[in-house]
Amino acid sequence: MTAGVAGVRPPVVSARTRLWFAGSGLLLVVVVLVPPVSTLARHYLFVEALQFSTFALLVPALLVVGAPWRLLGLTARPKAAPSAPGAPGPVDRLASGRRRHPQLARGIGFLAADVACIAAWRTPAAVDAVTGHHWLVLVETVSLVAAGGGLWLECVESPPVLPRLARPSRALLAALAMWSVWTVAYMQGMSRHAWYRGFAHRAGAGLSASADRQLSTLVLWVAALVFVPVVFWNLVQWLRSEEDPDEELTRLLREERRGAAPAAPSPAGSRAAPPA
């Protein structure tokens, strides 16, 4: 049991792996903003949903997990000498402030902001506006990545920034975010009328409007699964940290006996001093 508890903290992700995550997130942004994806997103709802899911779910996760804060000069530089600690950077100050305010309400606030942003950009008016005015895609990208990044910082580690909440609360936030996206997807897919008017579908040619809508629902549903590892990892690690009180007591007694060194023998002819 104690071995499991000792392994509760996940292994530190190497700097190279973190750069790979961050680079993948930036590459995804470029891929979905340029042709052919950007062109197809103006004609097919499911491609637009893929573009949206990338901005709202995948990119924030990759950027938060792989954020190279030190490489960007946002954290303290390595110490030049043991007696000369590096000056804290803005991300160090952010991490320190988060440790001083570990309230659940703050995490729920980031969740509410992300869900509100996602819901706003999936409304018929917003989707039709993005389809008709291509420059709005950049506004959509910035707002979704910023709102999603705030939520992901509450759910996963991005050293030196750590989640301010306990593991069960992190799992709850991730699950609620996932269910929110699923709710939006189901409302769109089960609607009897087309929500979005900016996509032209000709009868007998290409993808039908109904099939396009169902595919977009599937895209959103699958993309929301990005929260599943967060939910299960935090729940499993939290359960592993719940030690059996009897086993914990036994372990403490064993360590106490092991740490009690035998008394040194008294010099010959000397007598032990009486207790005070």
C-alpha atoms as a PDB file:
ATOM      1  CA  MET A   1       0.000   0.000   0.000  1.00  0.00           C
ATOM      2  CA  THR A   2       2.767   2.415   0.890  1.00  0.00           C
ATOM      3  CA  ALA A   3       4.445   1.783  -2.441  1.00  0.00           C
ATOM      4  CA  GLY A   4       1.254   2.838  -4.177  1.00  0.00           C
ATOM      5  CA  VAL A   5       1.056   5.974  -2.099  1.00  0.00           C
ATOM      6  CA  ALA A   6       4.635   6.837  -2.856  1.00  0.00           C
ATOM      7  CA  GLY A   7       3.821   6.687  -6.550  1.00  0.00           C
ATOM      8  CA  VAL A   8       0.832   9.010  -6.368  1.00  0.00           C
ATOM      9  CA  ARG A   9       2.615  11.928  -7.976  1.00  0.00           C
ATOM     10  CA  PRO A  10       2.947  11.483 -11.739  1.00  0.00           C
ATOM     11  CA  PRO A  11       6.427  11.357 -13.242  1.00  0.00           C
ATOM     12  CA  VAL A  12       7.878  14.672 -14.314  1.00  0.00           C
ATOM     13  CA  VAL A  13       7.414  15.250 -18.034  1.00  0.00           C
ATOM     14  CA  SER A  14      10.703  15.961 -19.755  1.00  0.00           C
ATOM     15  CA  ALA A  15      11.347  19.318 -21.390  1.00  0.00           C
ATOM     16  CA  ARG A  16      11.547  17.684 -24.807  1.00  0.00           C
ATOM     17  CA  THR A  17       8.166  16.004 -24.363  1.00  0.00           C
ATOM     18  CA  ARG A  18       6.587  19.240 -23.221  1.00  0.00           C
ATOM     19  CA  LEU A  19       7.929  21.012 -26.287  1.00  0.00           C
ATOM     20  CA  TRP A  20       6.441  18.256 -28.422  1.00  0.00           C
ATOM     21  CA  PHE A  21       3.015  18.816 -26.828  1.00  0.00           C
ATOM     22  CA  ALA A  22       3.168  22.583 -27.259  1.00  0.00           C
ATOM     23  CA  GLY A  23       4.441  22.292 -30.816  1.00  0.00           C
ATOM     24  CA  SER A  24       1.625  19.886 -31.677  1.00  0.00           C
ATOM     25  CA  GLY A  25      -0.925  22.359 -30.356  1.00  0.00           C
ATOM     26  CA  LEU A  26       0.470  25.204 -32.449  1.00  0.00           C
ATOM     27  CA  LEU A  27       0.669  22.960 -35.500  1.00  0.00           C
ATOM     28  CA  LEU A  28      -2.997  22.008 -35.108  1.00  0.00           C
ATOM     29  CA  VAL A  29      -3.973  25.687 -35.058  1.00  0.00           C
ATOM     30  CA  VAL A  30      -2.141  26.284 -38.323  1.00  0.00           C
ATOM     31  CA  VAL A  31      -3.577  23.177 -39.984  1.00  0.00           C
ATOM     32  CA  VAL A  32      -7.208  24.055 -39.269  1.00  0.00           C
ATOM     33  CA  LEU A  33      -6.798  27.749 -40.155  1.00  0.00           C
ATOM     34  CA  VAL A  34      -5.414  27.227 -43.661  1.00  0.00           C
ATOM     35  CA  PRO A  35      -6.774  25.430 -46.745  1.00  0.00           C
ATOM     36  CA  PRO A  36      -8.040  22.843 -47.335  1.00  0.00           C
ATOM     37  CA  VAL A  37      -9.580  22.650 -43.823  1.00  0.00           C
ATOM     38  CA  SER A  38     -10.549  26.326 -43.689  1.00  0.00           C
ATOM     39  CA  THR A  39     -12.166  26.083 -47.145  1.00  0.00           C
ATOM     40  CA  LEU A  40     -14.115  22.935 -46.329  1.00  0.00           C
ATOM     41  CA  ALA A  41     -15.248  24.438 -43.009  1.00  0.00           C
ATOM     42  CA  ARG A  42     -17.246  27.029 -44.967  1.00  0.00           C
ATOM     43  CA  HIS A  43     -19.149  24.328 -46.840  1.00  0.00           C
ATOM     44  CA  TYR A  44     -19.577  21.447 -44.377  1.00  0.00           C
ATOM     45  CA  LEU A  45     -20.795  21.675 -40.809  1.00  0.00           C
ATOM     46  CA  PHE A  46     -18.841  18.628 -39.648  1.00  0.00           C
ATOM     47  CA  VAL A  47     -15.560  20.198 -40.826  1.00  0.00           C
ATOM     48  CA  GLU A  48     -16.493  23.429 -39.053  1.00  0.00           C
ATOM     49  CA  ALA A  49     -17.195  21.342 -35.926  1.00  0.00           C
ATOM     50  CA  LEU A  50     -13.756  19.739 -36.288  1.00  0.00           C
ATOM     51  CA  GLN A  51     -12.199  23.196 -36.520  1.00  0.00           C
ATOM     52  CA  PHE A  52     -14.163  24.356 -33.488  1.00  0.00           C
ATOM     53  CA  SER A  53     -13.253  21.266 -31.427  1.00  0.00           C
ATOM     54  CA  THR A  54      -9.589  21.819 -32.170  1.00  0.00           C
ATOM     55  CA  PHE A  55      -9.729  25.375 -30.821  1.00  0.00           C
ATOM     56  CA  ALA A  56     -11.951  24.613 -27.830  1.00  0.00           C
ATOM     57  CA  LEU A  57     -10.665  21.237 -26.619  1.00  0.00           C
ATOM     58  CA  LEU A  58      -7.477  19.902 -28.175  1.00  0.00           C
ATOM     59  CA  VAL A  59      -5.255  22.975 -28.453  1.00  0.00           C
ATOM     60  CA  PRO A  60      -5.820  24.256 -24.873  1.00  0.00           C
ATOM     61  CA  ALA A  61      -4.996  20.822 -23.473  1.00  0.00           C
ATOM     62  CA  LEU A  62      -1.772  20.500 -25.480  1.00  0.00           C
ATOM     63  CA  LEU A  63      -0.610  24.047 -24.748  1.00  0.00           C
ATOM     64  CA  VAL A  64      -1.217  23.789 -20.998  1.00  0.00           C
ATOM     65  CA  VAL A  65       0.403  20.368 -20.618  1.00  0.00           C
ATOM     66  CA  GLY A  66       3.396  21.336 -22.743  1.00  0.00           C
ATOM     67  CA  ALA A  67       3.764  25.045 -21.963  1.00  0.00           C
ATOM     68  CA  PRO A  68       7.539  25.803 -22.026  1.00  0.00           C
ATOM     69  CA  TRP A  69       7.344  28.590 -19.456  1.00  0.00           C
ATOM     70  CA  ARG A  70      11.094  28.683 -18.803  1.00  0.00           C
ATOM     71  CA  LEU A  71      11.958  28.690 -22.491  1.00  0.00           C
ATOM     72  CA  LEU A  72       9.655  31.678 -22.934  1.00  0.00           C
ATOM     73  CA  GLY A  73      11.419  33.496 -20.073  1.00  0.00           C
ATOM     74  CA  LEU A  74       8.317  33.552 -17.874  1.00  0.00           C
ATOM     75  CA  THR A  75       9.803  31.690 -14.910  1.00  0.00           C
ATOM     76  CA  ALA A  76      12.845  32.213 -12.700  1.00  0.00           C
ATOM     77  CA  ARG A  77      16.144  31.655 -14.429  1.00  0.00           C
ATOM     78  CA  PRO A  78      18.480  28.962 -13.096  1.00  0.00           C
ATOM     79  CA  LYS A  79      20.489  30.078 -10.077  1.00  0.00           C
ATOM     80  CA  ALA A  80      23.931  31.404 -10.888  1.00  0.00           C
ATOM     81  CA  ALA A  81      25.033  30.444  -7.384  1.00  0.00           C
ATOM     82  CA  PRO A  82      23.382  28.770  -4.395  1.00  0.00           C
ATOM     83  CA  SER A  83      23.420  32.077  -2.534  1.00  0.00           C
ATOM     84  CA  ALA A  84      21.888  34.009  -5.463  1.00  0.00           C
ATOM     85  CA  PRO A  85      18.347  32.772  -6.120  1.00  0.00           C
ATOM     86  CA  GLY A  86      16.823  33.739  -9.440  1.00  0.00           C
ATOM     87  CA  ALA A  87      14.183  36.449  -9.534  1.00  0.00           C
ATOM     88  CA  PRO A  88      10.683  34.978  -9.841  1.00  0.00           C
ATOM     89  CA  GLY A  89       8.987  35.375 -13.207  1.00  0.00           C
ATOM     90  CA  PRO A  90       5.323  36.189 -13.869  1.00  0.00           C
ATOM     91  CA  VAL A  91       4.386  32.508 -14.050  1.00  0.00           C
ATOM     92  CA  ASP A  92       6.132  31.882 -10.714  1.00  0.00           C
ATOM     93  CA  ARG A  93       4.072  34.659  -9.153  1.00  0.00           C
ATOM     94  CA  LEU A  94       0.927  33.216 -10.728  1.00  0.00           C
ATOM     95  CA  ALA A  95       1.709  29.782  -9.286  1.00  0.00           C
ATOM     96  CA  SER A  96       2.355  31.276  -5.844  1.00  0.00           C
ATOM     97  CA  GLY A  97      -0.908  33.201  -5.915  1.00  0.00           C
ATOM     98  CA  ARG A  98      -2.872  30.118  -6.906  1.00  0.00           C
ATOM     99  CA  ARG A  99      -1.462  28.204  -3.931  1.00  0.00           C
ATOM    100  CA  ARG A 100      -2.735  30.929  -1.611  1.00  0.00           C
ATOM    101  CA  HIS A 101      -6.280  30.740  -3.026  1.00  0.00           C
ATOM    102  CA  PRO A 102      -7.260  27.058  -3.424  1.00  0.00           C
ATOM    103  CA  GLN A 103     -11.020  27.730  -3.355  1.00  0.00           C
ATOM    104  CA  LEU A 104     -13.342  25.470  -5.298  1.00  0.00           C
ATOM    105  CA  ALA A 105     -15.361  28.523  -6.333  1.00  0.00           C
ATOM    106  CA  ARG A 106     -12.462  29.794  -8.434  1.00  0.00           C
ATOM    107  CA  GLY A 107     -12.232  26.497 -10.300  1.00  0.00           C
ATOM    108  CA  ILE A 108     -15.969  26.533 -10.923  1.00  0.00           C
ATOM    109  CA  GLY A 109     -15.609  30.076 -12.228  1.00  0.00           C
ATOM    110  CA  PHE A 110     -13.095  28.939 -14.865  1.00  0.00           C
ATOM    111  CA  LEU A 111     -15.406  26.056 -15.781  1.00  0.00           C
ATOM    112  CA  ALA A 112     -18.366  28.413 -16.171  1.00  0.00           C
ATOM    113  CA  ALA A 113     -16.325  30.784 -18.339  1.00  0.00           C
ATOM    114  CA  ASP A 114     -15.205  27.959 -20.635  1.00  0.00           C
ATOM    115  CA  VAL A 115     -18.689  26.442 -20.947  1.00  0.00           C
ATOM    116  CA  ALA A 116     -20.196  29.868 -21.642  1.00  0.00           C
ATOM    117  CA  CYS A 117     -17.598  30.545 -24.338  1.00  0.00           C
ATOM    118  CA  ILE A 118     -18.205  27.161 -25.978  1.00  0.00           C
ATOM    119  CA  ALA A 119     -21.988  27.600 -25.906  1.00  0.00           C
ATOM    120  CA  ALA A 120     -21.744  31.129 -27.300  1.00  0.00           C
ATOM    121  CA  TRP A 121     -19.667  30.063 -30.304  1.00  0.00           C
ATOM    122  CA  ARG A 122     -22.046  27.161 -31.078  1.00  0.00           C
ATOM    123  CA  THR A 123     -25.136  29.349 -31.326  1.00  0.00           C
ATOM    124  CA  PRO A 124     -26.623  29.658 -34.839  1.00  0.00           C
ATOM    125  CA  ALA A 125     -25.806  33.371 -35.023  1.00  0.00           C
ATOM    126  CA  ALA A 126     -22.138  32.821 -34.117  1.00  0.00           C
ATOM    127  CA  VAL A 127     -21.567  29.861 -36.464  1.00  0.00           C
ATOM    128  CA  ASP A 128     -23.258  31.623 -39.382  1.00  0.00           C
ATOM    129  CA  ALA A 129     -21.234  34.786 -38.684  1.00  0.00           C
ATOM    130  CA  VAL A 130     -17.944  32.843 -38.654  1.00  0.00           C
ATOM    131  CA  THR A 131     -18.923  31.114 -41.895  1.00  0.00           C
ATOM    132  CA  GLY A 132     -19.721  34.413 -43.592  1.00  0.00           C
ATOM    133  CA  HIS A 133     -16.885  36.516 -42.154  1.00  0.00           C
ATOM    134  CA  HIS A 134     -13.638  34.577 -42.153  1.00  0.00           C
ATOM    135  CA  TRP A 135     -11.755  37.030 -39.932  1.00  0.00           C
ATOM    136  CA  LEU A 136     -14.029  36.038 -37.039  1.00  0.00           C
ATOM    137  CA  VAL A 137     -12.271  32.676 -36.961  1.00  0.00           C
ATOM    138  CA  LEU A 138      -9.275  34.400 -35.367  1.00  0.00           C
ATOM    139  CA  VAL A 139     -11.488  35.921 -32.659  1.00  0.00           C
ATOM    140  CA  GLU A 140     -13.046  32.498 -32.089  1.00  0.00           C
ATOM    141  CA  THR A 141      -9.615  30.884 -31.845  1.00  0.00           C
ATOM    142  CA  VAL A 142      -8.213  33.345 -29.289  1.00  0.00           C
ATOM    143  CA  SER A 143     -11.306  33.306 -27.059  1.00  0.00           C
ATOM    144  CA  LEU A 144     -11.723  29.519 -27.064  1.00  0.00           C
ATOM    145  CA  VAL A 145      -8.033  28.804 -26.432  1.00  0.00           C
ATOM    146  CA  ALA A 146      -7.899  31.362 -23.601  1.00  0.00           C
ATOM    147  CA  ALA A 147     -11.064  30.058 -21.902  1.00  0.00           C
ATOM    148  CA  GLY A 148     -10.021  26.433 -22.378  1.00  0.00           C
ATOM    149  CA  GLY A 149      -6.521  27.103 -21.084  1.00  0.00           C
ATOM    150  CA  GLY A 150      -7.907  28.588 -17.877  1.00  0.00           C
ATOM    151  CA  LEU A 151      -9.957  25.458 -17.268  1.00  0.00           C
ATOM    152  CA  TRP A 152      -7.117  23.068 -18.060  1.00  0.00           C
ATOM    153  CA  LEU A 153      -4.847  24.847 -15.589  1.00  0.00           C
ATOM    154  CA  GLU A 154      -7.389  23.830 -12.938  1.00  0.00           C
ATOM    155  CA  CYS A 155      -7.260  20.170 -14.019  1.00  0.00           C
ATOM    156  CA  VAL A 156      -3.644  19.286 -14.896  1.00  0.00           C
ATOM    157  CA  GLU A 157      -0.125  20.296 -13.915  1.00  0.00           C
ATOM    158  CA  SER A 158       1.823  22.787 -15.987  1.00  0.00           C
ATOM    159  CA  PRO A 159       4.950  23.257 -13.809  1.00  0.00           C
ATOM    160  CA  PRO A 160       5.478  25.518 -11.999  1.00  0.00           C
ATOM    161  CA  VAL A 161       1.710  26.132 -12.178  1.00  0.00           C
ATOM    162  CA  LEU A 162      -0.166  23.416 -10.286  1.00  0.00           C
ATOM    163  CA  PRO A 163      -3.906  22.813  -9.950  1.00  0.00           C
ATOM    164  CA  ARG A 164      -5.300  24.567  -6.906  1.00  0.00           C
ATOM    165  CA  LEU A 165      -7.948  21.880  -6.245  1.00  0.00           C
ATOM    166  CA  ALA A 166      -7.865  18.380  -4.782  1.00  0.00           C
ATOM    167  CA  ARG A 167      -7.998  15.459  -7.186  1.00  0.00           C
ATOM    168  CA  PRO A 168     -11.733  14.690  -6.787  1.00  0.00           C
ATOM    169  CA  SER A 169     -12.548  18.317  -7.599  1.00  0.00           C
ATOM    170  CA  ARG A 170     -10.321  18.241 -10.681  1.00  0.00           C
ATOM    171  CA  ALA A 171     -12.082  15.110 -11.889  1.00  0.00           C
ATOM    172  CA  LEU A 172     -15.454  16.755 -11.281  1.00  0.00           C
ATOM    173  CA  LEU A 173     -14.515  19.864 -13.286  1.00  0.00           C
ATOM    174  CA  ALA A 174     -13.293  17.766 -16.209  1.00  0.00           C
ATOM    175  CA  ALA A 175     -16.422  15.602 -16.156  1.00  0.00           C
ATOM    176  CA  LEU A 176     -18.722  18.632 -16.084  1.00  0.00           C
ATOM    177  CA  ALA A 177     -16.865  20.209 -19.008  1.00  0.00           C
ATOM    178  CA  MET A 178     -17.157  16.978 -21.004  1.00  0.00           C
ATOM    179  CA  TRP A 179     -20.870  16.634 -20.271  1.00  0.00           C
ATOM    180  CA  SER A 180     -21.444  20.255 -21.265  1.00  0.00           C
ATOM    181  CA  VAL A 181     -19.920  19.668 -24.701  1.00  0.00           C
ATOM    182  CA  TRP A 182     -21.948  16.478 -25.068  1.00  0.00           C
ATOM    183  CA  THR A 183     -25.118  18.398 -24.198  1.00  0.00           C
ATOM    184  CA  VAL A 184     -24.446  20.971 -26.912  1.00  0.00           C
ATOM    185  CA  ALA A 185     -23.698  18.177 -29.386  1.00  0.00           C
ATOM    186  CA  TYR A 186     -26.875  16.248 -28.557  1.00  0.00           C
ATOM    187  CA  MET A 187     -29.066  19.354 -28.800  1.00  0.00           C
ATOM    188  CA  GLN A 188     -27.629  20.055 -32.234  1.00  0.00           C
ATOM    189  CA  GLY A 189     -27.867  16.470 -33.460  1.00  0.00           C
ATOM    190  CA  MET A 190     -31.364  15.732 -32.198  1.00  0.00           C
ATOM    191  CA  SER A 191     -32.888  18.952 -33.479  1.00  0.00           C
ATOM    192  CA  ARG A 192     -35.507  18.427 -36.197  1.00  0.00           C
ATOM    193  CA  HIS A 193     -34.543  21.684 -37.867  1.00  0.00           C
ATOM    194  CA  ALA A 194     -31.174  22.833 -39.147  1.00  0.00           C
ATOM    195  CA  TRP A 195     -29.588  25.211 -36.668  1.00  0.00           C
ATOM    196  CA  TYR A 196     -27.113  26.754 -39.053  1.00  0.00           C
ATOM    197  CA  ARG A 197     -28.093  28.404 -42.340  1.00  0.00           C
ATOM    198  CA  GLY A 198     -24.637  29.182 -43.648  1.00  0.00           C
ATOM    199  CA  PHE A 199     -24.046  25.751 -45.188  1.00  0.00           C
ATOM    200  CA  ALA A 200     -25.555  25.001 -48.596  1.00  0.00           C
ATOM    201  CA  HIS A 201     -26.575  21.405 -49.308  1.00  0.00           C
ATOM    202  CA  ARG A 202     -28.005  20.439 -52.667  1.00  0.00           C
ATOM    203  CA  ALA A 203     -30.375  17.475 -52.806  1.00  0.00           C
ATOM    204  CA  GLY A 204     -28.796  14.490 -54.556  1.00  0.00           C
ATOM    205  CA  ALA A 205     -25.329  16.053 -54.622  1.00  0.00           C
ATOM    206  CA  GLY A 206     -22.692  15.491 -51.986  1.00  0.00           C
ATOM    207  CA  LEU A 207     -23.406  15.210 -48.275  1.00  0.00           C
ATOM    208  CA  SER A 208     -26.991  15.767 -47.150  1.00  0.00           C
ATOM    209  CA  ALA A 209     -27.828  18.340 -44.487  1.00  0.00           C
ATOM    210  CA  SER A 210     -28.994  15.630 -42.084  1.00  0.00           C
ATOM    211  CA  ALA A 211     -25.839  13.544 -42.516  1.00  0.00           C
ATOM    212  CA  ASP A 212     -23.697  16.642 -42.133  1.00  0.00           C
ATOM    213  CA  ARG A 213     -25.436  17.514 -38.871  1.00  0.00           C
ATOM    214  CA  GLN A 214     -25.047  13.989 -37.499  1.00  0.00           C
ATOM    215  CA  LEU A 215     -21.362  13.912 -38.393  1.00  0.00           C
ATOM    216  CA  SER A 216     -20.790  17.233 -36.649  1.00  0.00           C
ATOM    217  CA  THR A 217     -22.454  15.820 -33.533  1.00  0.00           C
ATOM    218  CA  LEU A 218     -20.138  12.816 -33.645  1.00  0.00           C
ATOM    219  CA  VAL A 219     -17.090  15.076 -34.020  1.00  0.00           C
ATOM    220  CA  LEU A 220     -18.022  17.104 -30.930  1.00  0.00           C
ATOM    221  CA  TRP A 221     -18.819  13.983 -28.921  1.00  0.00           C
ATOM    222  CA  VAL A 222     -15.483  12.322 -29.730  1.00  0.00           C
ATOM    223  CA  ALA A 223     -13.463  15.510 -29.159  1.00  0.00           C
ATOM    224  CA  ALA A 224     -14.945  15.890 -25.663  1.00  0.00           C
ATOM    225  CA  LEU A 225     -13.360  12.553 -24.729  1.00  0.00           C
ATOM    226  CA  VAL A 226     -10.115  14.498 -24.234  1.00  0.00           C
ATOM    227  CA  PHE A 227     -11.324  15.013 -20.651  1.00  0.00           C
ATOM    228  CA  VAL A 228     -11.617  11.267 -19.928  1.00  0.00           C
ATOM    229  CA  PRO A 229      -7.921  10.726 -19.025  1.00  0.00           C
ATOM    230  CA  VAL A 230      -8.112  13.651 -16.597  1.00  0.00           C
ATOM    231  CA  VAL A 231     -11.166  12.200 -14.863  1.00  0.00           C
ATOM    232  CA  PHE A 232      -9.793   8.673 -14.513  1.00  0.00           C
ATOM    233  CA  TRP A 233      -6.213   9.661 -13.616  1.00  0.00           C
ATOM    234  CA  ASN A 234      -7.302  11.929 -10.780  1.00  0.00           C
ATOM    235  CA  LEU A 235      -9.858   9.452  -9.435  1.00  0.00           C
ATOM    236  CA  VAL A 236      -7.421   6.527  -9.533  1.00  0.00           C
ATOM    237  CA  GLN A 237      -4.644   8.496  -7.852  1.00  0.00           C
ATOM    238  CA  TRP A 238      -7.046   9.793  -5.216  1.00  0.00           C
ATOM    239  CA  LEU A 239      -8.256   6.266  -4.435  1.00  0.00           C
ATOM    240  CA  ARG A 240      -4.681   4.990  -4.232  1.00  0.00           C
ATOM    241  CA  SER A 241      -3.830   7.691  -1.703  1.00  0.00           C
ATOM    242  CA  GLU A 242      -6.591   6.565   0.656  1.00  0.00           C
ATOM    243  CA  GLU A 243      -4.543   4.404   3.033  1.00  0.00           C
ATOM    244  CA  ASP A 244      -6.027   1.778   5.329  1.00  0.00           C
ATOM    245  CA  PRO A 245      -5.719   3.234   8.903  1.00  0.00           C
ATOM    246  CA  ASP A 246      -4.662  -0.158  10.321  1.00  0.00           C
ATOM    247  CA  GLU A 247      -1.946  -0.591   7.724  1.00  0.00           C
ATOM    248  CA  GLU A 248      -0.788   2.984   8.272  1.00  0.00           C
ATOM    249  CA  LEU A 249      -0.543   2.406  12.035  1.00  0.00           C
ATOM    250  CA  THR A 250       1.394  -0.812  11.481  1.00  0.00           C
ATOM    251  CA  ARG A 251       3.776   0.970   9.124  1.00  0.00           C
ATOM    252  CA  LEU A 252       4.412   3.768  11.624  1.00  0.00           C
ATOM    253  CA  LEU A 253       5.103   1.294  14.456  1.00  0.00           C
ATOM    254  CA  ARG A 254       7.469  -0.685  12.231  1.00  0.00           C
ATOM    255  CA  GLU A 255       9.376   2.462  11.265  1.00  0.00           C
ATOM    256  CA  GLU A 256       9.556   3.532  14.922  1.00  0.00           C
ATOM    257  CA  ARG A 257      11.070   0.198  15.971  1.00  0.00           C
ATOM    258  CA  ARG A 258      13.487   0.296  13.079  1.00  0.00           C
ATOM    259  CA  GLY A 259      14.578   3.825  13.930  1.00  0.00           C
ATOM    260  CA  ALA A 260      15.137   3.124  17.658  1.00  0.00           C
ATOM    261  CA  ALA A 261      18.858   2.421  17.943  1.00  0.00           C
ATOM    262  CA  PRO A 262      19.975   0.084  20.809  1.00  0.00           C
ATOM    263  CA  ALA A 263      21.305   1.887  23.864  1.00  0.00           C
ATOM    264  CA  ALA A 264      25.083   2.129  24.021  1.00  0.00           C
ATOM    265  CA  PRO A 265      26.628  -0.153  26.693  1.00  0.00           C
ATOM    266  CA  SER A 266      27.580   1.621  29.912  1.00  0.00           C
ATOM    267  CA  PRO A 267      31.266   1.839  30.784  1.00  0.00           C
ATOM    268  CA  ALA A 268      32.499  -0.995  32.998  1.00  0.00           C
ATOM    269  CA  GLY A 269      31.802  -0.459  36.640  1.00  0.00           C
ATOM    270  CA  SER A 270      29.474   2.468  35.957  1.00  0.00           C
ATOM    271  CA  ARG A 271      25.878   2.435  37.036  1.00  0.00           C
ATOM    272  CA  ALA A 272      22.966   3.946  35.152  1.00  0.00           C
ATOM    273  CA  ALA A 273      21.895   7.272  36.505  1.00  0.00           C
ATOM    274  CA  PRO A 274      18.562   7.129  38.257  1.00  0.00           C
ATOM    275  CA  PRO A 275      15.718   8.752  36.354  1.00  0.00           C
ATOM    276  CA  ALA A 276      15.065  12.384  37.252  1.00  0.00           C
END
